[in-house]
């Protein structure tokens, strides 16, 4: 059983995702429609699976250290710069990784270990959503009744 604080964290994450999805989903679809990303999709899908795996890893190798820099900036009181760097790193990871995964998904899933990790990640996501969405629904009902 999950404890109340864990359920609360999951509910907050799902709630934030539910609020932000109408904003970021159209943005991501628009960006994916840009000529550069259409070109990227074609180039990635033409690569062998090992090369797709390398290309898939590169945004993580760039963005994750930037997120650490952002945290250090937060700790030093440079909040605005930290937020900007964190958001740019998050955007880089989200857009590039999502597009590379979309373009190379079929080939990446031919790696049994990758398919296993992708399946496990999907199950975890589905489980978290199953926990968080009912909590978010109850919060919305509560707010409507008491607003």
C-alpha atoms as a PDB file:
ATOM      1  CA  UNK A   1       0.000   0.000   0.000  1.00  0.00           C
ATOM      2  CA  UNK A   2       1.151   3.495  -0.748  1.00  0.00           C
ATOM      3  CA  UNK A   3       1.312   5.991   2.080  1.00  0.00           C
ATOM      4  CA  UNK A   4      -0.634   9.236   2.051  1.00  0.00           C
ATOM      5  CA  UNK A   5       2.426  11.429   1.304  1.00  0.00           C
ATOM      6  CA  UNK A   6       3.335   9.229  -1.681  1.00  0.00           C
ATOM      7  CA  UNK A   7      -0.246   9.363  -2.967  1.00  0.00           C
ATOM      8  CA  UNK A   8      -0.223  13.135  -2.507  1.00  0.00           C
ATOM      9  CA  UNK A   9       2.996  13.468  -4.543  1.00  0.00           C
ATOM     10  CA  UNK A  10       1.544  11.290  -7.292  1.00  0.00           C
ATOM     11  CA  UNK A  11      -1.667  13.335  -7.272  1.00  0.00           C
ATOM     12  CA  UNK A  12       0.287  16.590  -7.557  1.00  0.00           C
ATOM     13  CA  UNK A  13       2.351  15.220 -10.475  1.00  0.00           C
ATOM     14  CA  UNK A  14      -0.767  13.993 -12.280  1.00  0.00           C
ATOM     15  CA  UNK A  15      -2.599  17.249 -11.524  1.00  0.00           C
ATOM     16  CA  UNK A  16       0.271  19.355 -12.920  1.00  0.00           C
ATOM     17  CA  UNK A  17       0.433  17.107 -15.988  1.00  0.00           C
ATOM     18  CA  UNK A  18      -3.332  17.395 -16.503  1.00  0.00           C
ATOM     19  CA  UNK A  19      -3.129  21.189 -16.239  1.00  0.00           C
ATOM     20  CA  UNK A  20      -0.080  21.597 -18.462  1.00  0.00           C
ATOM     21  CA  UNK A  21      -0.959  19.006 -21.125  1.00  0.00           C
ATOM     22  CA  UNK A  22      -3.335  21.332 -23.039  1.00  0.00           C
ATOM     23  CA  UNK A  23      -0.460  23.813 -23.196  1.00  0.00           C
ATOM     24  CA  UNK A  24       2.495  21.592 -24.023  1.00  0.00           C
ATOM     25  CA  UNK A  25       0.842  18.970 -26.245  1.00  0.00           C
ATOM     26  CA  UNK A  26      -0.135  21.439 -29.029  1.00  0.00           C
ATOM     27  CA  UNK A  27       3.305  23.053 -28.700  1.00  0.00           C
ATOM     28  CA  UNK A  28       5.035  19.692 -29.103  1.00  0.00           C
ATOM     29  CA  UNK A  29       2.821  18.797 -32.084  1.00  0.00           C
ATOM     30  CA  UNK A  30       3.626  22.143 -33.689  1.00  0.00           C
ATOM     31  CA  UNK A  31       7.334  21.714 -33.111  1.00  0.00           C
ATOM     32  CA  UNK A  32       7.166  18.152 -34.478  1.00  0.00           C
ATOM     33  CA  UNK A  33       5.628  19.556 -37.650  1.00  0.00           C
ATOM     34  CA  UNK A  34       8.567  21.881 -38.296  1.00  0.00           C
ATOM     35  CA  UNK A  35      10.740  21.017 -41.285  1.00  0.00           C
ATOM     36  CA  UNK A  36      13.765  20.317 -39.065  1.00  0.00           C
ATOM     37  CA  UNK A  37      11.902  17.737 -36.997  1.00  0.00           C
ATOM     38  CA  UNK A  38      10.355  16.088 -40.053  1.00  0.00           C
ATOM     39  CA  UNK A  39      13.901  15.853 -41.451  1.00  0.00           C
ATOM     40  CA  UNK A  40      15.132  14.478 -38.102  1.00  0.00           C
ATOM     41  CA  UNK A  41      12.368  11.845 -38.108  1.00  0.00           C
ATOM     42  CA  UNK A  42      13.344  10.677 -41.603  1.00  0.00           C
ATOM     43  CA  UNK A  43      17.050  10.586 -40.778  1.00  0.00           C
ATOM     44  CA  UNK A  44      16.588   8.740 -37.487  1.00  0.00           C
ATOM     45  CA  UNK A  45      14.200   6.163 -38.917  1.00  0.00           C
ATOM     46  CA  UNK A  46      16.749   5.367 -41.660  1.00  0.00           C
ATOM     47  CA  UNK A  47      19.503   4.574 -39.139  1.00  0.00           C
ATOM     48  CA  UNK A  48      20.362   1.082 -37.884  1.00  0.00           C
ATOM     49  CA  UNK A  49      19.045   0.319 -34.412  1.00  0.00           C
ATOM     50  CA  UNK A  50      22.423   0.698 -32.664  1.00  0.00           C
ATOM     51  CA  UNK A  51      22.819   4.202 -34.115  1.00  0.00           C
ATOM     52  CA  UNK A  52      19.287   5.137 -33.081  1.00  0.00           C
ATOM     53  CA  UNK A  53      20.158   4.037 -29.549  1.00  0.00           C
ATOM     54  CA  UNK A  54      23.202   6.333 -29.535  1.00  0.00           C
ATOM     55  CA  UNK A  55      21.211   9.255 -30.978  1.00  0.00           C
ATOM     56  CA  UNK A  56      18.499   8.569 -28.377  1.00  0.00           C
ATOM     57  CA  UNK A  57      21.054   8.835 -25.542  1.00  0.00           C
ATOM     58  CA  UNK A  58      22.701  12.107 -26.666  1.00  0.00           C
ATOM     59  CA  UNK A  59      19.971  14.526 -25.442  1.00  0.00           C
ATOM     60  CA  UNK A  60      20.158  12.903 -22.001  1.00  0.00           C
ATOM     61  CA  UNK A  61      23.936  13.348 -21.942  1.00  0.00           C
ATOM     62  CA  UNK A  62      23.517  17.054 -22.685  1.00  0.00           C
ATOM     63  CA  UNK A  63      20.369  17.895 -20.725  1.00  0.00           C
ATOM     64  CA  UNK A  64      20.928  16.018 -17.470  1.00  0.00           C
ATOM     65  CA  UNK A  65      24.129  17.907 -16.563  1.00  0.00           C
ATOM     66  CA  UNK A  66      22.292  21.148 -17.386  1.00  0.00           C
ATOM     67  CA  UNK A  67      19.605  20.194 -14.862  1.00  0.00           C
ATOM     68  CA  UNK A  68      22.331  19.739 -12.260  1.00  0.00           C
ATOM     69  CA  UNK A  69      23.683  23.205 -13.131  1.00  0.00           C
ATOM     70  CA  UNK A  70      20.143  24.557 -12.643  1.00  0.00           C
ATOM     71  CA  UNK A  71      19.915  22.979  -9.180  1.00  0.00           C
ATOM     72  CA  UNK A  72      23.286  24.485  -8.238  1.00  0.00           C
ATOM     73  CA  UNK A  73      22.059  27.880  -9.436  1.00  0.00           C
ATOM     74  CA  UNK A  74      18.887  27.469  -7.317  1.00  0.00           C
ATOM     75  CA  UNK A  75      21.076  26.687  -4.302  1.00  0.00           C
ATOM     76  CA  UNK A  76      23.175  29.804  -4.934  1.00  0.00           C
ATOM     77  CA  UNK A  77      20.061  31.991  -5.116  1.00  0.00           C
ATOM     78  CA  UNK A  78      20.102  32.508  -8.903  1.00  0.00           C
ATOM     79  CA  UNK A  79      16.484  31.384  -9.194  1.00  0.00           C
ATOM     80  CA  UNK A  80      15.506  32.946 -12.522  1.00  0.00           C
ATOM     81  CA  UNK A  81      18.613  31.714 -14.329  1.00  0.00           C
ATOM     82  CA  UNK A  82      18.175  28.307 -12.702  1.00  0.00           C
ATOM     83  CA  UNK A  83      14.552  28.110 -13.835  1.00  0.00           C
ATOM     84  CA  UNK A  84      15.458  29.144 -17.387  1.00  0.00           C
ATOM     85  CA  UNK A  85      18.247  26.577 -17.660  1.00  0.00           C
ATOM     86  CA  UNK A  86      16.084  23.860 -16.102  1.00  0.00           C
ATOM     87  CA  UNK A  87      13.181  24.574 -18.465  1.00  0.00           C
ATOM     88  CA  UNK A  88      15.456  24.635 -21.519  1.00  0.00           C
ATOM     89  CA  UNK A  89      17.068  21.345 -20.461  1.00  0.00           C
ATOM     90  CA  UNK A  90      13.645  19.822 -19.841  1.00  0.00           C
ATOM     91  CA  UNK A  91      12.376  21.052 -23.202  1.00  0.00           C
ATOM     92  CA  UNK A  92      15.472  19.727 -24.970  1.00  0.00           C
ATOM     93  CA  UNK A  93      15.030  16.333 -23.370  1.00  0.00           C
ATOM     94  CA  UNK A  94      11.296  16.198 -23.886  1.00  0.00           C
ATOM     95  CA  UNK A  95      11.143  17.321 -27.503  1.00  0.00           C
ATOM     96  CA  UNK A  96      14.267  15.652 -28.875  1.00  0.00           C
ATOM     97  CA  UNK A  97      13.912  12.397 -26.987  1.00  0.00           C
ATOM     98  CA  UNK A  98      10.217  12.179 -27.820  1.00  0.00           C
ATOM     99  CA  UNK A  99      10.867  12.774 -31.525  1.00  0.00           C
ATOM    100  CA  UNK A 100      13.840  10.381 -31.673  1.00  0.00           C
ATOM    101  CA  UNK A 101      11.861   7.721 -29.812  1.00  0.00           C
ATOM    102  CA  UNK A 102       8.883   8.212 -32.118  1.00  0.00           C
ATOM    103  CA  UNK A 103      11.081   7.923 -35.234  1.00  0.00           C
ATOM    104  CA  UNK A 104      13.115   4.943 -34.011  1.00  0.00           C
ATOM    105  CA  UNK A 105      10.639   3.172 -31.737  1.00  0.00           C
ATOM    106  CA  UNK A 106      10.120   0.065 -33.863  1.00  0.00           C
ATOM    107  CA  UNK A 107      13.855  -0.547 -34.226  1.00  0.00           C
ATOM    108  CA  UNK A 108      14.625   0.266 -30.575  1.00  0.00           C
ATOM    109  CA  UNK A 109      11.996  -2.206 -29.409  1.00  0.00           C
ATOM    110  CA  UNK A 110      13.841  -4.994 -31.249  1.00  0.00           C
ATOM    111  CA  UNK A 111      16.320  -4.872 -28.354  1.00  0.00           C
ATOM    112  CA  UNK A 112      14.681  -7.189 -25.833  1.00  0.00           C
ATOM    113  CA  UNK A 113      16.128  -5.264 -22.888  1.00  0.00           C
ATOM    114  CA  UNK A 114      14.883  -1.944 -24.329  1.00  0.00           C
ATOM    115  CA  UNK A 115      11.416  -3.374 -24.937  1.00  0.00           C
ATOM    116  CA  UNK A 116      11.399  -4.631 -21.350  1.00  0.00           C
ATOM    117  CA  UNK A 117      12.354  -1.211 -19.973  1.00  0.00           C
ATOM    118  CA  UNK A 118       9.823   0.549 -22.226  1.00  0.00           C
ATOM    119  CA  UNK A 119       7.111  -1.880 -21.121  1.00  0.00           C
ATOM    120  CA  UNK A 120       8.012  -1.433 -17.463  1.00  0.00           C
ATOM    121  CA  UNK A 121       7.987   2.373 -17.845  1.00  0.00           C
ATOM    122  CA  UNK A 122       4.545   2.212 -19.497  1.00  0.00           C
ATOM    123  CA  UNK A 123       3.206   0.000 -16.687  1.00  0.00           C
ATOM    124  CA  UNK A 124       4.583   2.356 -14.028  1.00  0.00           C
ATOM    125  CA  UNK A 125       3.102   5.377 -15.833  1.00  0.00           C
ATOM    126  CA  UNK A 126      -0.268   3.638 -16.137  1.00  0.00           C
ATOM    127  CA  UNK A 127      -0.184   2.655 -12.453  1.00  0.00           C
ATOM    128  CA  UNK A 128       0.677   6.191 -11.355  1.00  0.00           C
ATOM    129  CA  UNK A 129      -2.093   7.612 -13.522  1.00  0.00           C
ATOM    130  CA  UNK A 130      -4.526   5.055 -12.113  1.00  0.00           C
ATOM    131  CA  UNK A 131      -3.607   6.231  -8.613  1.00  0.00           C
ATOM    132  CA  UNK A 132      -3.437   9.948  -9.360  1.00  0.00           C
ATOM    133  CA  UNK A 133      -6.443  10.582 -11.600  1.00  0.00           C
ATOM    134  CA  UNK A 134      -9.112   9.500  -9.072  1.00  0.00           C
ATOM    135  CA  UNK A 135      -7.471  11.706  -6.441  1.00  0.00           C
ATOM    136  CA  UNK A 136      -7.417  14.639  -8.860  1.00  0.00           C
ATOM    137  CA  UNK A 137     -11.100  13.994  -9.705  1.00  0.00           C
ATOM    138  CA  UNK A 138     -12.008  14.075  -6.005  1.00  0.00           C
ATOM    139  CA  UNK A 139     -10.049  17.312  -5.548  1.00  0.00           C
ATOM    140  CA  UNK A 140     -11.877  18.902  -8.500  1.00  0.00           C
ATOM    141  CA  UNK A 141     -15.262  17.847  -7.097  1.00  0.00           C
ATOM    142  CA  UNK A 142     -14.313  19.195  -3.665  1.00  0.00           C
ATOM    143  CA  UNK A 143     -13.184  22.532  -5.149  1.00  0.00           C
ATOM    144  CA  UNK A 144     -16.387  22.874  -7.221  1.00  0.00           C
ATOM    145  CA  UNK A 145     -18.579  22.214  -4.200  1.00  0.00           C
ATOM    146  CA  UNK A 146     -16.691  24.662  -1.991  1.00  0.00           C
ATOM    147  CA  UNK A 147     -15.929  27.409  -4.478  1.00  0.00           C
END
